[in-house]
Amino acid sequence: MAFLGRAKKSDLISLAIELGEEVTNDLRVVDLRELITKSKKYEVEFVANMLDAIAEERVEKEK
């Protein structure tokens, strides 16, 4: 779960949305991490891979 601590807020928002969670503008990073880890779809390896893909997409768009 340490991988969630290194993620950017925008990546966590994208991840939560991908997991089907409801995301509001007032959520803090800690709230997003909790929302993700308590998701019914949360499985460590799956979520870590998904977060890596989201971060890679963001980096490619920033180039």
PDB file of N, CA and C in Angstrom:
ATOM      1  N   MET A   1       0.811  -1.192   0.000  1.00  0.00           N
ATOM      2  CA  MET A   1       0.000   0.000   0.000  1.00  0.00           C
ATOM      3  C   MET A   1       0.858   1.260   0.000  1.00  0.00           C
ATOM      4  N   ALA A   2       2.152   1.124   0.195  1.00  0.00           N
ATOM      5  CA  ALA A   2       3.044   2.279   0.193  1.00  0.00           C
ATOM      6  C   ALA A   2       3.006   3.006  -1.141  1.00  0.00           C
ATOM      7  N   PHE A   3       2.683   2.278  -2.196  1.00  0.00           N
ATOM      8  CA  PHE A   3       2.630   2.894  -3.522  1.00  0.00           C
ATOM      9  C   PHE A   3       1.583   4.001  -3.583  1.00  0.00           C
ATOM     10  N   LEU A   4       0.541   3.917  -2.776  1.00  0.00           N
ATOM     11  CA  LEU A   4      -0.486   4.958  -2.752  1.00  0.00           C
ATOM     12  C   LEU A   4       0.060   6.247  -2.138  1.00  0.00           C
ATOM     13  N   GLY A   5       0.999   6.121  -1.231  1.00  0.00           N
ATOM     14  CA  GLY A   5       1.590   7.286  -0.584  1.00  0.00           C
ATOM     15  C   GLY A   5       2.485   8.094  -1.497  1.00  0.00           C
ATOM     16  N   ARG A   6       2.998   7.461  -2.538  1.00  0.00           N
ATOM     17  CA  ARG A   6       3.894   8.147  -3.476  1.00  0.00           C
ATOM     18  C   ARG A   6       3.144   8.727  -4.676  1.00  0.00           C
ATOM     19  N   ALA A   7       1.864   8.450  -4.777  1.00  0.00           N
ATOM     20  CA  ALA A   7       1.088   8.864  -5.954  1.00  0.00           C
ATOM     21  C   ALA A   7       0.658  10.324  -5.861  1.00  0.00           C
ATOM     22  N   LYS A   8       0.493  10.931  -7.018  1.00  0.00           N
ATOM     23  CA  LYS A   8      -0.030  12.295  -7.087  1.00  0.00           C
ATOM     24  C   LYS A   8      -1.537  12.256  -6.866  1.00  0.00           C
ATOM     25  N   LYS A   9      -2.069  13.360  -6.369  1.00  0.00           N
ATOM     26  CA  LYS A   9      -3.500  13.442  -6.087  1.00  0.00           C
ATOM     27  C   LYS A   9      -4.317  13.203  -7.349  1.00  0.00           C
ATOM     28  N   SER A  10      -3.895  13.761  -8.459  1.00  0.00           N
ATOM     29  CA  SER A  10      -4.647  13.586  -9.707  1.00  0.00           C
ATOM     30  C   SER A  10      -4.695  12.117 -10.124  1.00  0.00           C
ATOM     31  N   ASP A  11      -3.600  11.392  -9.870  1.00  0.00           N
ATOM     32  CA  ASP A  11      -3.572   9.962 -10.194  1.00  0.00           C
ATOM     33  C   ASP A  11      -4.500   9.178  -9.272  1.00  0.00           C
ATOM     34  N   LEU A  12      -4.539   9.561  -7.997  1.00  0.00           N
ATOM     35  CA  LEU A  12      -5.433   8.891  -7.052  1.00  0.00           C
ATOM     36  C   LEU A  12      -6.896   9.139  -7.412  1.00  0.00           C
ATOM     37  N   ILE A  13      -7.193  10.342  -7.871  1.00  0.00           N
ATOM     38  CA  ILE A  13      -8.558  10.657  -8.299  1.00  0.00           C
ATOM     39  C   ILE A  13      -8.936   9.781  -9.489  1.00  0.00           C
ATOM     40  N   SER A  14      -8.059   9.690 -10.464  1.00  0.00           N
ATOM     41  CA  SER A  14      -8.318   8.848 -11.635  1.00  0.00           C
ATOM     42  C   SER A  14      -8.490   7.392 -11.238  1.00  0.00           C
ATOM     43  N   LEU A  15      -7.665   6.923 -10.321  1.00  0.00           N
ATOM     44  CA  LEU A  15      -7.747   5.541  -9.861  1.00  0.00           C
ATOM     45  C   LEU A  15      -9.073   5.277  -9.161  1.00  0.00           C
ATOM     46  N   ALA A  16      -9.478   6.169  -8.284  1.00  0.00           N
ATOM     47  CA  ALA A  16     -10.743   6.001  -7.570  1.00  0.00           C
ATOM     48  C   ALA A  16     -11.916   5.957  -8.544  1.00  0.00           C
ATOM     49  N   ILE A  17     -11.883   6.802  -9.548  1.00  0.00           N
ATOM     50  CA  ILE A  17     -12.943   6.813 -10.559  1.00  0.00           C
ATOM     51  C   ILE A  17     -12.945   5.499 -11.328  1.00  0.00           C
ATOM     52  N   GLU A  18     -11.768   5.009 -11.695  1.00  0.00           N
ATOM     53  CA  GLU A  18     -11.656   3.725 -12.406  1.00  0.00           C
ATOM     54  C   GLU A  18     -12.208   2.571 -11.572  1.00  0.00           C
ATOM     55  N   LEU A  19     -12.086   2.686 -10.260  1.00  0.00           N
ATOM     56  CA  LEU A  19     -12.599   1.645  -9.368  1.00  0.00           C
ATOM     57  C   LEU A  19     -14.098   1.793  -9.114  1.00  0.00           C
ATOM     58  N   GLY A  20     -14.685   2.840  -9.693  1.00  0.00           N
ATOM     59  CA  GLY A  20     -16.123   3.034  -9.569  1.00  0.00           C
ATOM     60  C   GLY A  20     -16.543   3.769  -8.312  1.00  0.00           C
ATOM     61  N   GLU A  21     -15.606   4.441  -7.684  1.00  0.00           N
ATOM     62  CA  GLU A  21     -15.911   5.175  -6.459  1.00  0.00           C
ATOM     63  C   GLU A  21     -16.343   6.599  -6.798  1.00  0.00           C
ATOM     64  N   GLU A  22     -17.153   7.172  -5.924  1.00  0.00           N
ATOM     65  CA  GLU A  22     -17.620   8.540  -6.114  1.00  0.00           C
ATOM     66  C   GLU A  22     -16.585   9.499  -5.532  1.00  0.00           C
ATOM     67  N   VAL A  23     -16.097  10.391  -6.363  1.00  0.00           N
ATOM     68  CA  VAL A  23     -15.051  11.330  -5.961  1.00  0.00           C
ATOM     69  C   VAL A  23     -15.634  12.737  -5.947  1.00  0.00           C
ATOM     70  N   THR A  24     -15.392  13.444  -4.841  1.00  0.00           N
ATOM     71  CA  THR A  24     -15.831  14.832  -4.734  1.00  0.00           C
ATOM     72  C   THR A  24     -14.607  15.736  -4.640  1.00  0.00           C
ATOM     73  N   ASN A  25     -14.804  17.017  -4.912  1.00  0.00           N
ATOM     74  CA  ASN A  25     -13.696  17.977  -4.934  1.00  0.00           C
ATOM     75  C   ASN A  25     -13.075  18.222  -3.565  1.00  0.00           C
ATOM     76  N   ASP A  26     -13.805  17.931  -2.497  1.00  0.00           N
ATOM     77  CA  ASP A  26     -13.300  18.230  -1.161  1.00  0.00           C
ATOM     78  C   ASP A  26     -12.449  17.115  -0.555  1.00  0.00           C
ATOM     79  N   LEU A  27     -12.238  16.021  -1.281  1.00  0.00           N
ATOM     80  CA  LEU A  27     -11.449  14.907  -0.759  1.00  0.00           C
ATOM     81  C   LEU A  27      -9.966  15.262  -0.711  1.00  0.00           C
ATOM     82  N   ARG A  28      -9.340  14.944   0.416  1.00  0.00           N
ATOM     83  CA  ARG A  28      -7.900  15.131   0.558  1.00  0.00           C
ATOM     84  C   ARG A  28      -7.209  13.842   0.114  1.00  0.00           C
ATOM     85  N   VAL A  29      -5.897  13.880  -0.014  1.00  0.00           N
ATOM     86  CA  VAL A  29      -5.132  12.704  -0.442  1.00  0.00           C
ATOM     87  C   VAL A  29      -5.384  11.539   0.505  1.00  0.00           C
ATOM     88  N   VAL A  30      -5.373  11.804   1.793  1.00  0.00           N
ATOM     89  CA  VAL A  30      -5.600  10.739   2.771  1.00  0.00           C
ATOM     90  C   VAL A  30      -6.999  10.139   2.605  1.00  0.00           C
ATOM     91  N   ASP A  31      -7.976  10.978   2.282  1.00  0.00           N
ATOM     92  CA  ASP A  31      -9.340  10.494   2.055  1.00  0.00           C
ATOM     93  C   ASP A  31      -9.403   9.632   0.798  1.00  0.00           C
ATOM     94  N   LEU A  32      -8.687  10.043  -0.235  1.00  0.00           N
ATOM     95  CA  LEU A  32      -8.656   9.271  -1.476  1.00  0.00           C
ATOM     96  C   LEU A  32      -8.026   7.902  -1.254  1.00  0.00           C
ATOM     97  N   ARG A  33      -6.930   7.868  -0.492  1.00  0.00           N
ATOM     98  CA  ARG A  33      -6.282   6.581  -0.192  1.00  0.00           C
ATOM     99  C   ARG A  33      -7.234   5.659   0.556  1.00  0.00           C
ATOM    100  N   GLU A  34      -7.953   6.210   1.514  1.00  0.00           N
ATOM    101  CA  GLU A  34      -8.907   5.407   2.278  1.00  0.00           C
ATOM    102  C   GLU A  34     -10.046   4.921   1.383  1.00  0.00           C
ATOM    103  N   LEU A  35     -10.542   5.786   0.527  1.00  0.00           N
ATOM    104  CA  LEU A  35     -11.609   5.425  -0.402  1.00  0.00           C
ATOM    105  C   LEU A  35     -11.166   4.281  -1.309  1.00  0.00           C
ATOM    106  N   ILE A  36      -9.951   4.348  -1.795  1.00  0.00           N
ATOM    107  CA  ILE A  36      -9.414   3.319  -2.689  1.00  0.00           C
ATOM    108  C   ILE A  36      -9.230   1.999  -1.955  1.00  0.00           C
ATOM    109  N   THR A  37      -8.625   2.036  -0.779  1.00  0.00           N
ATOM    110  CA  THR A  37      -8.343   0.786  -0.061  1.00  0.00           C
ATOM    111  C   THR A  37      -9.605   0.119   0.471  1.00  0.00           C
ATOM    112  N   LYS A  38     -10.668   0.882   0.650  1.00  0.00           N
ATOM    113  CA  LYS A  38     -11.928   0.298   1.125  1.00  0.00           C
ATOM    114  C   LYS A  38     -12.867  -0.076  -0.019  1.00  0.00           C
ATOM    115  N   SER A  39     -12.426   0.163  -1.245  1.00  0.00           N
ATOM    116  CA  SER A  39     -13.228  -0.180  -2.415  1.00  0.00           C
ATOM    117  C   SER A  39     -13.427  -1.690  -2.503  1.00  0.00           C
ATOM    118  N   LYS A  40     -14.594  -2.087  -2.966  1.00  0.00           N
ATOM    119  CA  LYS A  40     -14.882  -3.516  -3.150  1.00  0.00           C
ATOM    120  C   LYS A  40     -13.960  -4.130  -4.198  1.00  0.00           C
ATOM    121  N   LYS A  41     -13.473  -3.309  -5.107  1.00  0.00           N
ATOM    122  CA  LYS A  41     -12.611  -3.791  -6.187  1.00  0.00           C
ATOM    123  C   LYS A  41     -11.131  -3.741  -5.818  1.00  0.00           C
ATOM    124  N   TYR A  42     -10.814  -3.358  -4.587  1.00  0.00           N
ATOM    125  CA  TYR A  42      -9.413  -3.196  -4.182  1.00  0.00           C
ATOM    126  C   TYR A  42      -8.714  -4.539  -4.030  1.00  0.00           C
ATOM    127  N   GLU A  43      -7.661  -4.689  -4.797  1.00  0.00           N
ATOM    128  CA  GLU A  43      -6.738  -5.818  -4.682  1.00  0.00           C
ATOM    129  C   GLU A  43      -5.365  -5.205  -4.931  1.00  0.00           C
ATOM    130  N   VAL A  44      -4.439  -5.404  -4.026  1.00  0.00           N
ATOM    131  CA  VAL A  44      -3.171  -4.672  -4.033  1.00  0.00           C
ATOM    132  C   VAL A  44      -2.472  -4.703  -5.387  1.00  0.00           C
ATOM    133  N   GLU A  45      -2.242  -5.868  -5.927  1.00  0.00           N
ATOM    134  CA  GLU A  45      -1.492  -5.973  -7.183  1.00  0.00           C
ATOM    135  C   GLU A  45      -2.243  -5.315  -8.341  1.00  0.00           C
ATOM    136  N   PHE A  46      -3.540  -5.533  -8.416  1.00  0.00           N
ATOM    137  CA  PHE A  46      -4.368  -4.950  -9.468  1.00  0.00           C
ATOM    138  C   PHE A  46      -4.331  -3.424  -9.400  1.00  0.00           C
ATOM    139  N   VAL A  47      -4.529  -2.887  -8.208  1.00  0.00           N
ATOM    140  CA  VAL A  47      -4.559  -1.435  -8.026  1.00  0.00           C
ATOM    141  C   VAL A  47      -3.180  -0.823  -8.289  1.00  0.00           C
ATOM    142  N   ALA A  48      -2.123  -1.503  -7.861  1.00  0.00           N
ATOM    143  CA  ALA A  48      -0.769  -0.997  -8.110  1.00  0.00           C
ATOM    144  C   ALA A  48      -0.489  -0.918  -9.607  1.00  0.00           C
ATOM    145  N   ASN A  49      -0.867  -1.947 -10.338  1.00  0.00           N
ATOM    146  CA  ASN A  49      -0.667  -1.943 -11.793  1.00  0.00           C
ATOM    147  C   ASN A  49      -1.500  -0.865 -12.465  1.00  0.00           C
ATOM    148  N   MET A  50      -2.738  -0.697 -11.998  1.00  0.00           N
ATOM    149  CA  MET A  50      -3.609   0.320 -12.570  1.00  0.00           C
ATOM    150  C   MET A  50      -3.045   1.714 -12.302  1.00  0.00           C
ATOM    151  N   LEU A  51      -2.540   1.935 -11.104  1.00  0.00           N
ATOM    152  CA  LEU A  51      -1.964   3.232 -10.754  1.00  0.00           C
ATOM    153  C   LEU A  51      -0.720   3.518 -11.589  1.00  0.00           C
ATOM    154  N   ASP A  52       0.100   2.508 -11.826  1.00  0.00           N
ATOM    155  CA  ASP A  52       1.273   2.674 -12.693  1.00  0.00           C
ATOM    156  C   ASP A  52       0.853   3.107 -14.092  1.00  0.00           C
ATOM    157  N   ALA A  53      -0.180   2.472 -14.623  1.00  0.00           N
ATOM    158  CA  ALA A  53      -0.667   2.807 -15.964  1.00  0.00           C
ATOM    159  C   ALA A  53      -1.202   4.235 -16.011  1.00  0.00           C
ATOM    160  N   ILE A  54      -1.934   4.636 -14.985  1.00  0.00           N
ATOM    161  CA  ILE A  54      -2.480   5.996 -14.916  1.00  0.00           C
ATOM    162  C   ILE A  54      -1.343   7.017 -14.865  1.00  0.00           C
ATOM    163  N   ALA A  55      -0.325   6.746 -14.054  1.00  0.00           N
ATOM    164  CA  ALA A  55       0.815   7.665 -13.935  1.00  0.00           C
ATOM    165  C   ALA A  55       1.581   7.752 -15.253  1.00  0.00           C
ATOM    166  N   GLU A  56       1.769   6.620 -15.925  1.00  0.00           N
ATOM    167  CA  GLU A  56       2.465   6.619 -17.217  1.00  0.00           C
ATOM    168  C   GLU A  56       1.700   7.442 -18.246  1.00  0.00           C
ATOM    169  N   GLU A  57       0.383   7.309 -18.270  1.00  0.00           N
ATOM    170  CA  GLU A  57      -0.442   8.094 -19.200  1.00  0.00           C
ATOM    171  C   GLU A  57      -0.281   9.583 -18.923  1.00  0.00           C
ATOM    172  N   ARG A  58      -0.294   9.960 -17.644  1.00  0.00           N
ATOM    173  CA  ARG A  58      -0.156  11.363 -17.276  1.00  0.00           C
ATOM    174  C   ARG A  58       1.196  11.902 -17.725  1.00  0.00           C
ATOM    175  N   VAL A  59       2.254  11.146 -17.502  1.00  0.00           N
ATOM    176  CA  VAL A  59       3.600  11.577 -17.886  1.00  0.00           C
ATOM    177  C   VAL A  59       3.689  11.750 -19.401  1.00  0.00           C
ATOM    178  N   GLU A  60       3.115  10.837 -20.150  1.00  0.00           N
ATOM    179  CA  GLU A  60       3.124  10.938 -21.615  1.00  0.00           C
ATOM    180  C   GLU A  60       2.387  12.188 -22.083  1.00  0.00           C
ATOM    181  N   LYS A  61       1.269  12.507 -21.436  1.00  0.00           N
ATOM    182  CA  LYS A  61       0.498  13.694 -21.812  1.00  0.00           C
ATOM    183  C   LYS A  61       1.250  14.977 -21.481  1.00  0.00           C
ATOM    184  N   GLU A  62       2.076  14.931 -20.429  1.00  0.00           N
ATOM    185  CA  GLU A  62       2.818  16.119 -20.008  1.00  0.00           C
ATOM    186  C   GLU A  62       4.002  16.427 -20.915  1.00  0.00           C
ATOM    187  N   LYS A  63       4.432  15.474 -21.722  1.00  0.00           N
ATOM    188  CA  LYS A  63       5.590  15.677 -22.608  1.00  0.00           C
ATOM    189  C   LYS A  63       5.270  16.616 -23.734  1.00  0.00           C
TER     190      LYS A  63
END
